[in-house]
Amino acid sequence: MAKKLDAVREQLMKENKQFKRLYHKHQDYEQRLEKLSRRLYLNEKERLKEKNLKKQKLLLKDEMEKMLKEYQEKLASST
């Protein structure tokens, strides 16, 4: 099932510019969070930044999941 989902994701990235943009933004947030997580101590500003990045990353993930589901439904109804 994961391979099928990966294939659908790859196809959607080729066909949908918005999905591709969301995916790259999600990856950017992931990298920024990874960079913050390597620090031994986060000050208040950094903790707030981390919290906001996590929220934004989750919103992007939800939007991408919605787009994936709609795309899969579209594929299923066309066959």
Protein backbone atom coordinates (compact mmCIF):
# COMPACT_ATOMS: atom_id res chain seq x y z
CA MET A 1 0.00 0.00 0.00
CA ALA A 2 2.87 2.40 0.83
CA LYS A 3 4.43 1.86 -2.61
CA LYS A 4 1.10 2.63 -4.27
CA LEU A 5 0.74 5.81 -2.20
CA ASP A 6 4.31 6.83 -3.09
CA ALA A 7 3.52 6.33 -6.77
CA VAL A 8 0.36 8.43 -6.47
CA ARG A 9 2.31 11.14 -4.64
CA GLU A 10 4.98 11.18 -7.34
CA GLN A 11 2.35 11.41 -10.08
CA LEU A 12 0.56 14.23 -8.29
CA MET A 13 3.84 16.11 -7.90
CA LYS A 14 4.32 15.92 -11.68
CA GLU A 15 0.77 17.01 -12.49
CA ASN A 16 -0.12 19.51 -9.77
CA LYS A 17 2.02 22.60 -9.18
CA GLN A 18 0.24 23.46 -5.94
CA PHE A 19 0.87 19.99 -4.49
CA LYS A 20 4.52 20.22 -5.51
CA ARG A 21 4.82 23.65 -3.88
CA LEU A 22 3.19 22.37 -0.66
CA TYR A 23 5.47 19.33 -0.64
CA HIS A 24 8.63 21.44 -0.97
CA LYS A 25 7.43 23.86 1.68
CA HIS A 26 6.72 20.89 3.99
CA GLN A 27 10.26 19.61 3.36
CA ASP A 28 11.65 23.07 4.15
CA TYR A 29 9.79 23.14 7.46
CA GLU A 30 11.06 19.65 8.24
CA GLN A 31 14.67 20.76 7.67
CA ARG A 32 14.21 23.87 9.77
CA LEU A 33 12.73 21.81 12.60
CA GLU A 34 15.58 19.33 12.33
CA LYS A 35 18.06 22.19 12.65
CA LEU A 36 16.29 23.47 15.75
CA SER A 37 16.15 19.99 17.29
CA ARG A 38 19.94 19.72 17.13
CA ARG A 39 20.34 22.60 19.52
CA LEU A 40 20.90 21.82 23.16
CA TYR A 41 18.81 24.72 24.36
CA LEU A 42 16.07 26.78 22.72
CA ASN A 43 15.34 30.24 23.97
CA GLU A 44 11.76 31.51 24.16
CA LYS A 45 11.82 32.93 20.62
CA GLU A 46 13.19 29.66 19.22
CA ARG A 47 10.60 27.58 21.10
CA LEU A 48 7.85 29.75 19.65
CA LYS A 49 9.36 29.40 16.19
CA GLU A 50 9.52 25.62 16.63
CA LYS A 51 5.89 25.50 17.76
CA ASN A 52 4.75 27.60 14.80
CA LEU A 53 6.77 25.53 12.33
CA LYS A 54 5.19 22.34 13.66
CA LYS A 55 1.71 23.81 13.26
CA GLN A 56 2.41 25.04 9.75
CA LYS A 57 3.98 21.72 8.77
CA LEU A 58 0.92 19.87 10.04
CA LEU A 59 -1.41 22.17 8.11
CA LEU A 60 0.58 21.49 4.95
CA LYS A 61 0.47 17.76 5.58
CA ASP A 62 -3.30 17.88 6.06
CA GLU A 63 -3.73 19.82 2.82
CA MET A 64 -1.51 17.39 0.91
CA GLU A 65 -3.39 14.40 2.34
CA LYS A 66 -6.67 15.96 1.22
CA MET A 67 -5.26 16.48 -2.28
CA LEU A 68 -3.95 12.90 -2.38
CA LYS A 69 -7.32 11.52 -1.35
CA GLU A 70 -9.14 13.58 -3.97
CA TYR A 71 -6.65 12.50 -6.63
CA GLN A 72 -7.02 8.82 -5.68
CA GLU A 73 -10.82 9.14 -5.82
CA LYS A 74 -10.55 10.77 -9.22
CA LEU A 75 -8.34 7.93 -10.46
CA ALA A 76 -10.69 5.29 -9.04
CA SER A 77 -13.77 6.86 -10.64
CA SER A 78 -12.11 7.11 -14.06
CA THR A 79 -11.31 3.39 -14.23
